[in-house]
Amino acid sequence: MLTHIHPKLPMRNKQATREFYVGKLGFRVVGNRDYDGYLMVEKDHIELHFFEYNELDPKENYGQVYLRTNDIDKLYAWLLEHNVAIHPNGKLETKPWGQKEFALLDPDNNLLTFGQSDLLP
């Protein structure tokens, strides 16, 4: 019965969030209307939603989302080519649990972890 998931993450500044996801990560804005305090972006069938939270302290934000990919090496290289900062503790590596992963932080400290498993198709 479930068909999709669209994580909702906090943002302090809609324009900064839009510039990061669209300008740096290659997402596009979706929806046929621009809502105050709300943003929806999409890339390769992955949709993320953001709600405005002006009082958000990025140092206390634990927003996280795990995104699976089928070509992590290509994605990682593309992000590096486009000067996207990779989390200092999130460089591309194969984890003990069999996932090849890397991570980055958005302007509000939402953690985006990208992963690919050699065990999954």
PDB file of N, CA and C in Angstrom:
ATOM      1  N   MET A   1       0.808  -1.207   0.000  1.00  0.00           N
ATOM      2  CA  MET A   1       0.000   0.000   0.000  1.00  0.00           C
ATOM      3  C   MET A   1       0.850   1.269   0.000  1.00  0.00           C
ATOM      4  N   LEU A   2       2.017   1.244   0.637  1.00  0.00           N
ATOM      5  CA  LEU A   2       2.873   2.419   0.635  1.00  0.00           C
ATOM      6  C   LEU A   2       3.607   2.510  -0.701  1.00  0.00           C
ATOM      7  N   THR A   3       3.751   3.705  -1.225  1.00  0.00           N
ATOM      8  CA  THR A   3       4.383   3.841  -2.535  1.00  0.00           C
ATOM      9  C   THR A   3       5.595   4.758  -2.560  1.00  0.00           C
ATOM     10  N   HIS A   4       5.653   5.757  -1.713  1.00  0.00           N
ATOM     11  CA  HIS A   4       6.764   6.706  -1.724  1.00  0.00           C
ATOM     12  C   HIS A   4       6.986   7.255  -0.324  1.00  0.00           C
ATOM     13  N   ILE A   5       8.143   7.847  -0.140  1.00  0.00           N
ATOM     14  CA  ILE A   5       8.408   8.573   1.098  1.00  0.00           C
ATOM     15  C   ILE A   5       9.053   9.905   0.711  1.00  0.00           C
ATOM     16  N   HIS A   6       8.619  10.955   1.371  1.00  0.00           N
ATOM     17  CA  HIS A   6       9.162  12.291   1.127  1.00  0.00           C
ATOM     18  C   HIS A   6       9.563  12.878   2.476  1.00  0.00           C
ATOM     19  N   PRO A   7      10.805  12.668   2.885  1.00  0.00           N
ATOM     20  CA  PRO A   7      11.248  13.190   4.177  1.00  0.00           C
ATOM     21  C   PRO A   7      11.069  14.706   4.256  1.00  0.00           C
ATOM     22  N   LYS A   8      10.708  15.171   5.453  1.00  0.00           N
ATOM     23  CA  LYS A   8      10.559  16.603   5.710  1.00  0.00           C
ATOM     24  C   LYS A   8      11.656  17.014   6.682  1.00  0.00           C
ATOM     25  N   LEU A   9      12.467  17.973   6.257  1.00  0.00           N
ATOM     26  CA  LEU A   9      13.600  18.442   7.045  1.00  0.00           C
ATOM     27  C   LEU A   9      13.432  19.924   7.355  1.00  0.00           C
ATOM     28  N   PRO A  10      13.993  20.379   8.465  1.00  0.00           N
ATOM     29  CA  PRO A  10      13.882  21.796   8.802  1.00  0.00           C
ATOM     30  C   PRO A  10      14.855  22.656   7.996  1.00  0.00           C
ATOM     31  N   MET A  11      14.437  23.892   7.767  1.00  0.00           N
ATOM     32  CA  MET A  11      15.303  24.878   7.110  1.00  0.00           C
ATOM     33  C   MET A  11      15.082  26.231   7.776  1.00  0.00           C
ATOM     34  N   ARG A  12      16.135  27.016   7.841  1.00  0.00           N
ATOM     35  CA  ARG A  12      16.012  28.364   8.398  1.00  0.00           C
ATOM     36  C   ARG A  12      15.712  29.384   7.314  1.00  0.00           C
ATOM     37  N   ASN A  13      16.251  29.166   6.116  1.00  0.00           N
ATOM     38  CA  ASN A  13      16.152  30.148   5.056  1.00  0.00           C
ATOM     39  C   ASN A  13      15.849  29.423   3.751  1.00  0.00           C
ATOM     40  N   LYS A  14      14.666  29.656   3.233  1.00  0.00           N
ATOM     41  CA  LYS A  14      14.227  28.956   2.028  1.00  0.00           C
ATOM     42  C   LYS A  14      15.156  29.210   0.842  1.00  0.00           C
ATOM     43  N   GLN A  15      15.590  30.444   0.657  1.00  0.00           N
ATOM     44  CA  GLN A  15      16.460  30.773  -0.476  1.00  0.00           C
ATOM     45  C   GLN A  15      17.800  30.039  -0.363  1.00  0.00           C
ATOM     46  N   ALA A  16      18.387  30.012   0.829  1.00  0.00           N
ATOM     47  CA  ALA A  16      19.664  29.307   1.019  1.00  0.00           C
ATOM     48  C   ALA A  16      19.497  27.809   0.777  1.00  0.00           C
ATOM     49  N   THR A  17      18.396  27.254   1.237  1.00  0.00           N
ATOM     50  CA  THR A  17      18.135  25.828   1.031  1.00  0.00           C
ATOM     51  C   THR A  17      17.948  25.535  -0.446  1.00  0.00           C
ATOM     52  N   ARG A  18      17.173  26.370  -1.127  1.00  0.00           N
ATOM     53  CA  ARG A  18      16.958  26.202  -2.570  1.00  0.00           C
ATOM     54  C   ARG A  18      18.293  26.295  -3.318  1.00  0.00           C
ATOM     55  N   GLU A  19      19.113  27.275  -2.986  1.00  0.00           N
ATOM     56  CA  GLU A  19      20.398  27.434  -3.667  1.00  0.00           C
ATOM     57  C   GLU A  19      21.294  26.214  -3.462  1.00  0.00           C
ATOM     58  N   PHE A  20      21.272  25.638  -2.265  1.00  0.00           N
ATOM     59  CA  PHE A  20      22.103  24.465  -1.996  1.00  0.00           C
ATOM     60  C   PHE A  20      21.611  23.250  -2.781  1.00  0.00           C
ATOM     61  N   TYR A  21      20.327  22.928  -2.650  1.00  0.00           N
ATOM     62  CA  TYR A  21      19.813  21.710  -3.276  1.00  0.00           C
ATOM     63  C   TYR A  21      19.706  21.824  -4.794  1.00  0.00           C
ATOM     64  N   VAL A  22      19.268  22.969  -5.288  1.00  0.00           N
ATOM     65  CA  VAL A  22      19.125  23.151  -6.730  1.00  0.00           C
ATOM     66  C   VAL A  22      20.463  23.548  -7.352  1.00  0.00           C
ATOM     67  N   GLY A  23      21.103  24.563  -6.787  1.00  0.00           N
ATOM     68  CA  GLY A  23      22.335  25.081  -7.365  1.00  0.00           C
ATOM     69  C   GLY A  23      23.544  24.187  -7.202  1.00  0.00           C
ATOM     70  N   LYS A  24      23.654  23.501  -6.067  1.00  0.00           N
ATOM     71  CA  LYS A  24      24.841  22.671  -5.817  1.00  0.00           C
ATOM     72  C   LYS A  24      24.606  21.184  -6.054  1.00  0.00           C
ATOM     73  N   LEU A  25      23.462  20.666  -5.614  1.00  0.00           N
ATOM     74  CA  LEU A  25      23.243  19.216  -5.695  1.00  0.00           C
ATOM     75  C   LEU A  25      22.487  18.775  -6.943  1.00  0.00           C
ATOM     76  N   GLY A  26      21.958  19.719  -7.717  1.00  0.00           N
ATOM     77  CA  GLY A  26      21.300  19.357  -8.967  1.00  0.00           C
ATOM     78  C   GLY A  26      19.855  18.923  -8.843  1.00  0.00           C
ATOM     79  N   PHE A  27      19.206  19.236  -7.733  1.00  0.00           N
ATOM     80  CA  PHE A  27      17.769  18.967  -7.601  1.00  0.00           C
ATOM     81  C   PHE A  27      17.018  20.031  -8.400  1.00  0.00           C
ATOM     82  N   ARG A  28      15.714  19.851  -8.536  1.00  0.00           N
ATOM     83  CA  ARG A  28      14.856  20.872  -9.128  1.00  0.00           C
ATOM     84  C   ARG A  28      13.665  21.091  -8.206  1.00  0.00           C
ATOM     85  N   VAL A  29      13.150  22.296  -8.216  1.00  0.00           N
ATOM     86  CA  VAL A  29      11.973  22.609  -7.408  1.00  0.00           C
ATOM     87  C   VAL A  29      10.770  21.933  -8.044  1.00  0.00           C
ATOM     88  N   VAL A  30       9.923  21.318  -7.225  1.00  0.00           N
ATOM     89  CA  VAL A  30       8.701  20.682  -7.724  1.00  0.00           C
ATOM     90  C   VAL A  30       7.494  21.349  -7.095  1.00  0.00           C
ATOM     91  N   GLY A  31       6.363  21.072  -7.678  1.00  0.00           N
ATOM     92  CA  GLY A  31       5.114  21.664  -7.207  1.00  0.00           C
ATOM     93  C   GLY A  31       4.687  22.765  -8.154  1.00  0.00           C
ATOM     94  N   ASN A  32       3.402  23.006  -8.189  1.00  0.00           N
ATOM     95  CA  ASN A  32       2.886  24.018  -9.111  1.00  0.00           C
ATOM     96  C   ASN A  32       2.581  25.332  -8.384  1.00  0.00           C
ATOM     97  N   ARG A  33       3.032  25.418  -7.132  1.00  0.00           N
ATOM     98  CA  ARG A  33       2.788  26.625  -6.355  1.00  0.00           C
ATOM     99  C   ARG A  33       3.931  26.815  -5.360  1.00  0.00           C
ATOM    100  N   ASP A  34       4.297  28.064  -5.128  1.00  0.00           N
ATOM    101  CA  ASP A  34       5.354  28.381  -4.171  1.00  0.00           C
ATOM    102  C   ASP A  34       4.704  28.715  -2.837  1.00  0.00           C
ATOM    103  N   TYR A  35       4.896  27.866  -1.851  1.00  0.00           N
ATOM    104  CA  TYR A  35       4.301  28.069  -0.533  1.00  0.00           C
ATOM    105  C   TYR A  35       5.265  28.793   0.387  1.00  0.00           C
ATOM    106  N   ASP A  36       4.764  29.760   1.132  1.00  0.00           N
ATOM    107  CA  ASP A  36       5.582  30.430   2.131  1.00  0.00           C
ATOM    108  C   ASP A  36       6.061  29.406   3.153  1.00  0.00           C
ATOM    109  N   GLY A  37       7.348  29.418   3.430  1.00  0.00           N
ATOM    110  CA  GLY A  37       7.887  28.571   4.479  1.00  0.00           C
ATOM    111  C   GLY A  37       7.949  27.096   4.154  1.00  0.00           C
ATOM    112  N   TYR A  38       7.793  26.728   2.887  1.00  0.00           N
ATOM    113  CA  TYR A  38       7.823  25.311   2.512  1.00  0.00           C
ATOM    114  C   TYR A  38       8.500  25.180   1.152  1.00  0.00           C
ATOM    115  N   LEU A  39       9.314  24.138   0.998  1.00  0.00           N
ATOM    116  CA  LEU A  39      10.036  23.910  -0.246  1.00  0.00           C
ATOM    117  C   LEU A  39      10.035  22.421  -0.553  1.00  0.00           C
ATOM    118  N   MET A  40       9.827  22.080  -1.825  1.00  0.00           N
ATOM    119  CA  MET A  40       9.880  20.692  -2.278  1.00  0.00           C
ATOM    120  C   MET A  40      10.865  20.620  -3.441  1.00  0.00           C
ATOM    121  N   VAL A  41      11.807  19.690  -3.357  1.00  0.00           N
ATOM    122  CA  VAL A  41      12.787  19.493  -4.427  1.00  0.00           C
ATOM    123  C   VAL A  41      12.828  18.024  -4.811  1.00  0.00           C
ATOM    124  N   GLU A  42      13.281  17.757  -6.044  1.00  0.00           N
ATOM    125  CA  GLU A  42      13.290  16.393  -6.565  1.00  0.00           C
ATOM    126  C   GLU A  42      14.506  16.189  -7.447  1.00  0.00           C
ATOM    127  N   LYS A  43      15.042  14.971  -7.386  1.00  0.00           N
ATOM    128  CA  LYS A  43      16.116  14.547  -8.285  1.00  0.00           C
ATOM    129  C   LYS A  43      16.051  13.036  -8.419  1.00  0.00           C
ATOM    130  N   ASP A  44      16.027  12.557  -9.651  1.00  0.00           N
ATOM    131  CA  ASP A  44      16.045  11.114  -9.908  1.00  0.00           C
ATOM    132  C   ASP A  44      15.012  10.352  -9.075  1.00  0.00           C
ATOM    133  N   HIS A  45      13.801  10.823  -9.007  1.00  0.00           N
ATOM    134  CA  HIS A  45      12.694  10.169  -8.303  1.00  0.00           C
ATOM    135  C   HIS A  45      12.786  10.263  -6.782  1.00  0.00           C
ATOM    136  N   ILE A  46      13.730  11.041  -6.279  1.00  0.00           N
ATOM    137  CA  ILE A  46      13.851  11.270  -4.840  1.00  0.00           C
ATOM    138  C   ILE A  46      13.314  12.665  -4.562  1.00  0.00           C
ATOM    139  N   GLU A  47      12.357  12.762  -3.659  1.00  0.00           N
ATOM    140  CA  GLU A  47      11.759  14.050  -3.321  1.00  0.00           C
ATOM    141  C   GLU A  47      12.010  14.353  -1.845  1.00  0.00           C
ATOM    142  N   LEU A  48      12.486  15.558  -1.585  1.00  0.00           N
ATOM    143  CA  LEU A  48      12.705  16.038  -0.224  1.00  0.00           C
ATOM    144  C   LEU A  48      11.841  17.267  -0.004  1.00  0.00           C
ATOM    145  N   HIS A  49      11.271  17.364   1.190  1.00  0.00           N
ATOM    146  CA  HIS A  49      10.468  18.526   1.558  1.00  0.00           C
ATOM    147  C   HIS A  49      11.164  19.229   2.719  1.00  0.00           C
ATOM    148  N   PHE A  50      10.991  20.540   2.783  1.00  0.00           N
ATOM    149  CA  PHE A  50      11.589  21.360   3.836  1.00  0.00           C
ATOM    150  C   PHE A  50      10.541  22.292   4.408  1.00  0.00           C
ATOM    151  N   PHE A  51      10.534  22.412   5.716  1.00  0.00           N
ATOM    152  CA  PHE A  51       9.634  23.340   6.390  1.00  0.00           C
ATOM    153  C   PHE A  51      10.462  24.400   7.096  1.00  0.00           C
ATOM    154  N   GLU A  52       9.962  25.617   7.080  1.00  0.00           N
ATOM    155  CA  GLU A  52      10.689  26.721   7.690  1.00  0.00           C
ATOM    156  C   GLU A  52      10.640  26.623   9.213  1.00  0.00           C
ATOM    157  N   TYR A  53      11.806  26.742   9.800  1.00  0.00           N
ATOM    158  CA  TYR A  53      11.953  26.722  11.258  1.00  0.00           C
ATOM    159  C   TYR A  53      13.021  27.756  11.586  1.00  0.00           C
ATOM    160  N   ASN A  54      12.600  29.003  11.701  1.00  0.00           N
ATOM    161  CA  ASN A  54      13.525  30.120  11.872  1.00  0.00           C
ATOM    162  C   ASN A  54      14.378  30.017  13.123  1.00  0.00           C
ATOM    163  N   GLU A  55      13.861  29.407  14.165  1.00  0.00           N
ATOM    164  CA  GLU A  55      14.576  29.320  15.434  1.00  0.00           C
ATOM    165  C   GLU A  55      15.548  28.138  15.485  1.00  0.00           C
ATOM    166  N   LEU A  56      15.660  27.419  14.412  1.00  0.00           N
ATOM    167  CA  LEU A  56      16.527  26.248  14.369  1.00  0.00           C
ATOM    168  C   LEU A  56      17.967  26.624  14.678  1.00  0.00           C
ATOM    169  N   ASP A  57      18.565  25.932  15.618  1.00  0.00           N
ATOM    170  CA  ASP A  57      19.988  26.078  15.907  1.00  0.00           C
ATOM    171  C   ASP A  57      20.691  24.925  15.183  1.00  0.00           C
ATOM    172  N   PRO A  58      21.445  25.209  14.116  1.00  0.00           N
ATOM    173  CA  PRO A  58      22.073  24.125  13.361  1.00  0.00           C
ATOM    174  C   PRO A  58      22.921  23.191  14.220  1.00  0.00           C
ATOM    175  N   LYS A  59      23.492  23.704  15.303  1.00  0.00           N
ATOM    176  CA  LYS A  59      24.310  22.858  16.176  1.00  0.00           C
ATOM    177  C   LYS A  59      23.459  21.842  16.925  1.00  0.00           C
ATOM    178  N   GLU A  60      22.159  22.084  16.978  1.00  0.00           N
ATOM    179  CA  GLU A  60      21.251  21.164  17.672  1.00  0.00           C
ATOM    180  C   GLU A  60      20.280  20.475  16.719  1.00  0.00           C
ATOM    181  N   ASN A  61      20.574  20.541  15.431  1.00  0.00           N
ATOM    182  CA  ASN A  61      19.713  19.899  14.442  1.00  0.00           C
ATOM    183  C   ASN A  61      20.222  18.494  14.159  1.00  0.00           C
ATOM    184  N   TYR A  62      19.355  17.526  14.346  1.00  0.00           N
ATOM    185  CA  TYR A  62      19.714  16.136  14.100  1.00  0.00           C
ATOM    186  C   TYR A  62      18.936  15.551  12.919  1.00  0.00           C
ATOM    187  N   GLY A  63      18.454  16.447  12.021  1.00  0.00           N
ATOM    188  CA  GLY A  63      17.756  15.981  10.831  1.00  0.00           C
ATOM    189  C   GLY A  63      18.689  15.140   9.980  1.00  0.00           C
ATOM    190  N   GLN A  64      18.189  13.992   9.542  1.00  0.00           N
ATOM    191  CA  GLN A  64      19.004  13.082   8.740  1.00  0.00           C
ATOM    192  C   GLN A  64      18.135  12.371   7.722  1.00  0.00           C
ATOM    193  N   VAL A  65      18.725  12.062   6.595  1.00  0.00           N
ATOM    194  CA  VAL A  65      18.051  11.241   5.599  1.00  0.00           C
ATOM    195  C   VAL A  65      19.108  10.372   4.920  1.00  0.00           C
ATOM    196  N   TYR A  66      18.741   9.134   4.634  1.00  0.00           N
ATOM    197  CA  TYR A  66      19.637   8.187   3.975  1.00  0.00           C
ATOM    198  C   TYR A  66      19.119   7.994   2.558  1.00  0.00           C
ATOM    199  N   LEU A  67      19.977   8.239   1.580  1.00  0.00           N
ATOM    200  CA  LEU A  67      19.594   8.165   0.173  1.00  0.00           C
ATOM    201  C   LEU A  67      20.385   7.060  -0.518  1.00  0.00           C
ATOM    202  N   ARG A  68      19.692   6.114  -1.104  1.00  0.00           N
ATOM    203  CA  ARG A  68      20.368   5.044  -1.835  1.00  0.00           C
ATOM    204  C   ARG A  68      20.620   5.486  -3.269  1.00  0.00           C
ATOM    205  N   THR A  69      21.733   5.010  -3.804  1.00  0.00           N
ATOM    206  CA  THR A  69      22.100   5.302  -5.185  1.00  0.00           C
ATOM    207  C   THR A  69      22.570   4.017  -5.861  1.00  0.00           C
ATOM    208  N   ASN A  70      22.507   4.006  -7.185  1.00  0.00           N
ATOM    209  CA  ASN A  70      23.000   2.829  -7.904  1.00  0.00           C
ATOM    210  C   ASN A  70      24.346   3.092  -8.574  1.00  0.00           C
ATOM    211  N   ASP A  71      24.928   4.291  -8.347  1.00  0.00           N
ATOM    212  CA  ASP A  71      26.262   4.593  -8.884  1.00  0.00           C
ATOM    213  C   ASP A  71      26.934   5.614  -7.963  1.00  0.00           C
ATOM    214  N   ILE A  72      27.316   5.154  -6.788  1.00  0.00           N
ATOM    215  CA  ILE A  72      27.847   6.055  -5.771  1.00  0.00           C
ATOM    216  C   ILE A  72      29.168   6.694  -6.179  1.00  0.00           C
ATOM    217  N   ASP A  73      29.999   5.960  -6.906  1.00  0.00           N
ATOM    218  CA  ASP A  73      31.276   6.523  -7.337  1.00  0.00           C
ATOM    219  C   ASP A  73      31.065   7.710  -8.278  1.00  0.00           C
ATOM    220  N   LYS A  74      30.147   7.574  -9.196  1.00  0.00           N
ATOM    221  CA  LYS A  74      29.849   8.656 -10.138  1.00  0.00           C
ATOM    222  C   LYS A  74      29.252   9.858  -9.406  1.00  0.00           C
ATOM    223  N   LEU A  75      28.330   9.620  -8.497  1.00  0.00           N
ATOM    224  CA  LEU A  75      27.721  10.706  -7.733  1.00  0.00           C
ATOM    225  C   LEU A  75      28.756  11.430  -6.893  1.00  0.00           C
ATOM    226  N   TYR A  76      29.597  10.695  -6.219  1.00  0.00           N
ATOM    227  CA  TYR A  76      30.651  11.284  -5.379  1.00  0.00           C
ATOM    228  C   TYR A  76      31.588  12.145  -6.227  1.00  0.00           C
ATOM    229  N   ALA A  77      32.010  11.620  -7.363  1.00  0.00           N
ATOM    230  CA  ALA A  77      32.913  12.364  -8.251  1.00  0.00           C
ATOM    231  C   ALA A  77      32.231  13.637  -8.753  1.00  0.00           C
ATOM    232  N   TRP A  78      30.950  13.547  -9.117  1.00  0.00           N
ATOM    233  CA  TRP A  78      30.204  14.719  -9.604  1.00  0.00           C
ATOM    234  C   TRP A  78      30.145  15.796  -8.522  1.00  0.00           C
ATOM    235  N   LEU A  79      29.864  15.388  -7.287  1.00  0.00           N
ATOM    236  CA  LEU A  79      29.796  16.364  -6.196  1.00  0.00           C
ATOM    237  C   LEU A  79      31.147  17.023  -5.964  1.00  0.00           C
ATOM    238  N   LEU A  80      32.220  16.257  -5.993  1.00  0.00           N
ATOM    239  CA  LEU A  80      33.553  16.827  -5.829  1.00  0.00           C
ATOM    240  C   LEU A  80      33.886  17.798  -6.965  1.00  0.00           C
ATOM    241  N   GLU A  81      33.526  17.419  -8.190  1.00  0.00           N
ATOM    242  CA  GLU A  81      33.760  18.297  -9.344  1.00  0.00           C
ATOM    243  C   GLU A  81      33.011  19.621  -9.215  1.00  0.00           C
ATOM    244  N   HIS A  82      31.871  19.589  -8.521  1.00  0.00           N
ATOM    245  CA  HIS A  82      31.047  20.786  -8.348  1.00  0.00           C
ATOM    246  C   HIS A  82      31.295  21.462  -6.992  1.00  0.00           C
ATOM    247  N   ASN A  83      32.413  21.126  -6.383  1.00  0.00           N
ATOM    248  CA  ASN A  83      32.856  21.770  -5.136  1.00  0.00           C
ATOM    249  C   ASN A  83      31.847  21.684  -3.994  1.00  0.00           C
ATOM    250  N   VAL A  84      31.159  20.553  -3.902  1.00  0.00           N
ATOM    251  CA  VAL A  84      30.261  20.313  -2.776  1.00  0.00           C
ATOM    252  C   VAL A  84      31.094  19.739  -1.641  1.00  0.00           C
ATOM    253  N   ALA A  85      31.003  20.369  -0.483  1.00  0.00           N
ATOM    254  CA  ALA A  85      31.794  19.925   0.671  1.00  0.00           C
ATOM    255  C   ALA A  85      31.257  18.598   1.210  1.00  0.00           C
ATOM    256  N   ILE A  86      32.135  17.640   1.310  1.00  0.00           N
ATOM    257  CA  ILE A  86      31.810  16.345   1.909  1.00  0.00           C
ATOM    258  C   ILE A  86      32.066  16.469   3.406  1.00  0.00           C
ATOM    259  N   HIS A  87      31.233  15.828   4.213  1.00  0.00           N
ATOM    260  CA  HIS A  87      31.401  15.867   5.669  1.00  0.00           C
ATOM    261  C   HIS A  87      32.811  15.369   6.013  1.00  0.00           C
ATOM    262  N   PRO A  88      33.517  16.061   6.920  1.00  0.00           N
ATOM    263  CA  PRO A  88      34.890  15.636   7.263  1.00  0.00           C
ATOM    264  C   PRO A  88      34.983  14.183   7.726  1.00  0.00           C
ATOM    265  N   ASN A  89      33.933  13.687   8.360  1.00  0.00           N
ATOM    266  CA  ASN A  89      33.916  12.291   8.804  1.00  0.00           C
ATOM    267  C   ASN A  89      33.094  11.413   7.871  1.00  0.00           C
ATOM    268  N   GLY A  90      32.789  11.908   6.679  1.00  0.00           N
ATOM    269  CA  GLY A  90      31.890  11.187   5.786  1.00  0.00           C
ATOM    270  C   GLY A  90      32.451  10.929   4.407  1.00  0.00           C
ATOM    271  N   LYS A  91      33.749  10.782   4.293  1.00  0.00           N
ATOM    272  CA  LYS A  91      34.350  10.488   2.983  1.00  0.00           C
ATOM    273  C   LYS A  91      33.848   9.136   2.474  1.00  0.00           C
ATOM    274  N   LEU A  92      33.909   8.961   1.181  1.00  0.00           N
ATOM    275  CA  LEU A  92      33.449   7.722   0.552  1.00  0.00           C
ATOM    276  C   LEU A  92      34.276   6.542   1.033  1.00  0.00           C
ATOM    277  N   GLU A  93      33.581   5.541   1.582  1.00  0.00           N
ATOM    278  CA  GLU A  93      34.245   4.320   2.032  1.00  0.00           C
ATOM    279  C   GLU A  93      33.223   3.205   2.176  1.00  0.00           C
ATOM    280  N   THR A  94      33.708   1.984   2.168  1.00  0.00           N
ATOM    281  CA  THR A  94      32.844   0.832   2.410  1.00  0.00           C
ATOM    282  C   THR A  94      32.806   0.583   3.911  1.00  0.00           C
ATOM    283  N   LYS A  95      31.599   0.569   4.445  1.00  0.00           N
ATOM    284  CA  LYS A  95      31.390   0.400   5.886  1.00  0.00           C
ATOM    285  C   LYS A  95      31.395  -1.092   6.243  1.00  0.00           C
ATOM    286  N   PRO A  96      31.611  -1.411   7.521  1.00  0.00           N
ATOM    287  CA  PRO A  96      31.621  -2.810   7.942  1.00  0.00           C
ATOM    288  C   PRO A  96      30.316  -3.549   7.641  1.00  0.00           C
ATOM    289  N   TRP A  97      29.221  -2.821   7.506  1.00  0.00           N
ATOM    290  CA  TRP A  97      27.922  -3.454   7.246  1.00  0.00           C
ATOM    291  C   TRP A  97      27.661  -3.649   5.753  1.00  0.00           C
ATOM    292  N   GLY A  98      28.684  -3.405   4.907  1.00  0.00           N
ATOM    293  CA  GLY A  98      28.568  -3.728   3.490  1.00  0.00           C
ATOM    294  C   GLY A  98      28.076  -2.596   2.608  1.00  0.00           C
ATOM    295  N   GLN A  99      27.829  -1.429   3.164  1.00  0.00           N
ATOM    296  CA  GLN A  99      27.394  -0.289   2.362  1.00  0.00           C
ATOM    297  C   GLN A  99      28.593   0.577   2.013  1.00  0.00           C
ATOM    298  N   LYS A 100      28.635   1.022   0.785  1.00  0.00           N
ATOM    299  CA  LYS A 100      29.595   2.036   0.388  1.00  0.00           C
ATOM    300  C   LYS A 100      28.873   3.362   0.583  1.00  0.00           C
ATOM    301  N   GLU A 101      29.439   4.249   1.411  1.00  0.00           N
ATOM    302  CA  GLU A 101      28.720   5.449   1.825  1.00  0.00           C
ATOM    303  C   GLU A 101      29.608   6.685   1.843  1.00  0.00           C
ATOM    304  N   PHE A 102      28.939   7.838   1.789  1.00  0.00           N
ATOM    305  CA  PHE A 102      29.544   9.132   2.102  1.00  0.00           C
ATOM    306  C   PHE A 102      28.438  10.037   2.615  1.00  0.00           C
ATOM    307  N   ALA A 103      28.822  11.155   3.216  1.00  0.00           N
ATOM    308  CA  ALA A 103      27.827  12.038   3.816  1.00  0.00           C
ATOM    309  C   ALA A 103      28.215  13.502   3.620  1.00  0.00           C
ATOM    310  N   LEU A 104      27.213  14.353   3.669  1.00  0.00           N
ATOM    311  CA  LEU A 104      27.426  15.793   3.632  1.00  0.00           C
ATOM    312  C   LEU A 104      26.356  16.470   4.467  1.00  0.00           C
ATOM    313  N   LEU A 105      26.599  17.736   4.775  1.00  0.00           N
ATOM    314  CA  LEU A 105      25.660  18.534   5.560  1.00  0.00           C
ATOM    315  C   LEU A 105      25.111  19.652   4.692  1.00  0.00           C
ATOM    316  N   ASP A 106      23.815  19.931   4.850  1.00  0.00           N
ATOM    317  CA  ASP A 106      23.236  21.071   4.140  1.00  0.00           C
ATOM    318  C   ASP A 106      23.411  22.328   4.991  1.00  0.00           C
ATOM    319  N   PRO A 107      22.944  23.478   4.540  1.00  0.00           N
ATOM    320  CA  PRO A 107      23.161  24.721   5.292  1.00  0.00           C
ATOM    321  C   PRO A 107      22.587  24.729   6.711  1.00  0.00           C
ATOM    322  N   ASP A 108      21.652  23.839   7.000  1.00  0.00           N
ATOM    323  CA  ASP A 108      21.035  23.786   8.328  1.00  0.00           C
ATOM    324  C   ASP A 108      21.511  22.601   9.155  1.00  0.00           C
ATOM    325  N   ASN A 109      22.558  21.946   8.694  1.00  0.00           N
ATOM    326  CA  ASN A 109      23.143  20.803   9.386  1.00  0.00           C
ATOM    327  C   ASN A 109      22.303  19.532   9.274  1.00  0.00           C
ATOM    328  N   ASN A 110      21.403  19.469   8.303  1.00  0.00           N
ATOM    329  CA  ASN A 110      20.732  18.206   8.019  1.00  0.00           C
ATOM    330  C   ASN A 110      21.772  17.290   7.386  1.00  0.00           C
ATOM    331  N   LEU A 111      21.910  16.089   7.912  1.00  0.00           N
ATOM    332  CA  LEU A 111      22.892  15.136   7.421  1.00  0.00           C
ATOM    333  C   LEU A 111      22.290  14.319   6.280  1.00  0.00           C
ATOM    334  N   LEU A 112      22.948  14.355   5.135  1.00  0.00           N
ATOM    335  CA  LEU A 112      22.553  13.550   3.980  1.00  0.00           C
ATOM    336  C   LEU A 112      23.591  12.463   3.813  1.00  0.00           C
ATOM    337  N   THR A 113      23.187  11.219   4.007  1.00  0.00           N
ATOM    338  CA  THR A 113      24.085  10.085   3.809  1.00  0.00           C
ATOM    339  C   THR A 113      23.651   9.371   2.539  1.00  0.00           C
ATOM    340  N   PHE A 114      24.596   9.134   1.655  1.00  0.00           N
ATOM    341  CA  PHE A 114      24.346   8.440   0.405  1.00  0.00           C
ATOM    342  C   PHE A 114      24.990   7.067   0.500  1.00  0.00           C
ATOM    343  N   GLY A 115      24.257   6.031   0.072  1.00  0.00           N
ATOM    344  CA  GLY A 115      24.794   4.691   0.183  1.00  0.00           C
ATOM    345  C   GLY A 115      24.433   3.787  -0.967  1.00  0.00           C
ATOM    346  N   GLN A 116      25.306   2.828  -1.196  1.00  0.00           N
ATOM    347  CA  GLN A 116      25.086   1.798  -2.197  1.00  0.00           C
ATOM    348  C   GLN A 116      25.616   0.490  -1.638  1.00  0.00           C
ATOM    349  N   SER A 117      24.834  -0.554  -1.792  1.00  0.00           N
ATOM    350  CA  SER A 117      25.242  -1.857  -1.313  1.00  0.00           C
ATOM    351  C   SER A 117      25.643  -2.744  -2.467  1.00  0.00           C
ATOM    352  N   ASP A 118      26.769  -3.414  -2.288  1.00  0.00           N
ATOM    353  CA  ASP A 118      27.166  -4.406  -3.294  1.00  0.00           C
ATOM    354  C   ASP A 118      26.311  -5.651  -3.158  1.00  0.00           C
ATOM    355  N   LEU A 119      25.590  -5.768  -2.033  1.00  0.00           N
ATOM    356  CA  LEU A 119      24.784  -6.950  -1.775  1.00  0.00           C
ATOM    357  C   LEU A 119      23.395  -6.821  -2.384  1.00  0.00           C
ATOM    358  N   LEU A 120      22.959  -5.586  -2.678  1.00  0.00           N
ATOM    359  CA  LEU A 120      21.631  -5.371  -3.229  1.00  0.00           C
ATOM    360  C   LEU A 120      21.713  -5.096  -4.723  1.00  0.00           C
ATOM    361  N   PRO A 121      20.678  -5.469  -5.461  1.00  0.00           N
ATOM    362  CA  PRO A 121      20.682  -5.196  -6.912  1.00  0.00           C
ATOM    363  C   PRO A 121      20.561  -3.711  -7.196  1.00  0.00           C
TER     364      PRO A 121
END
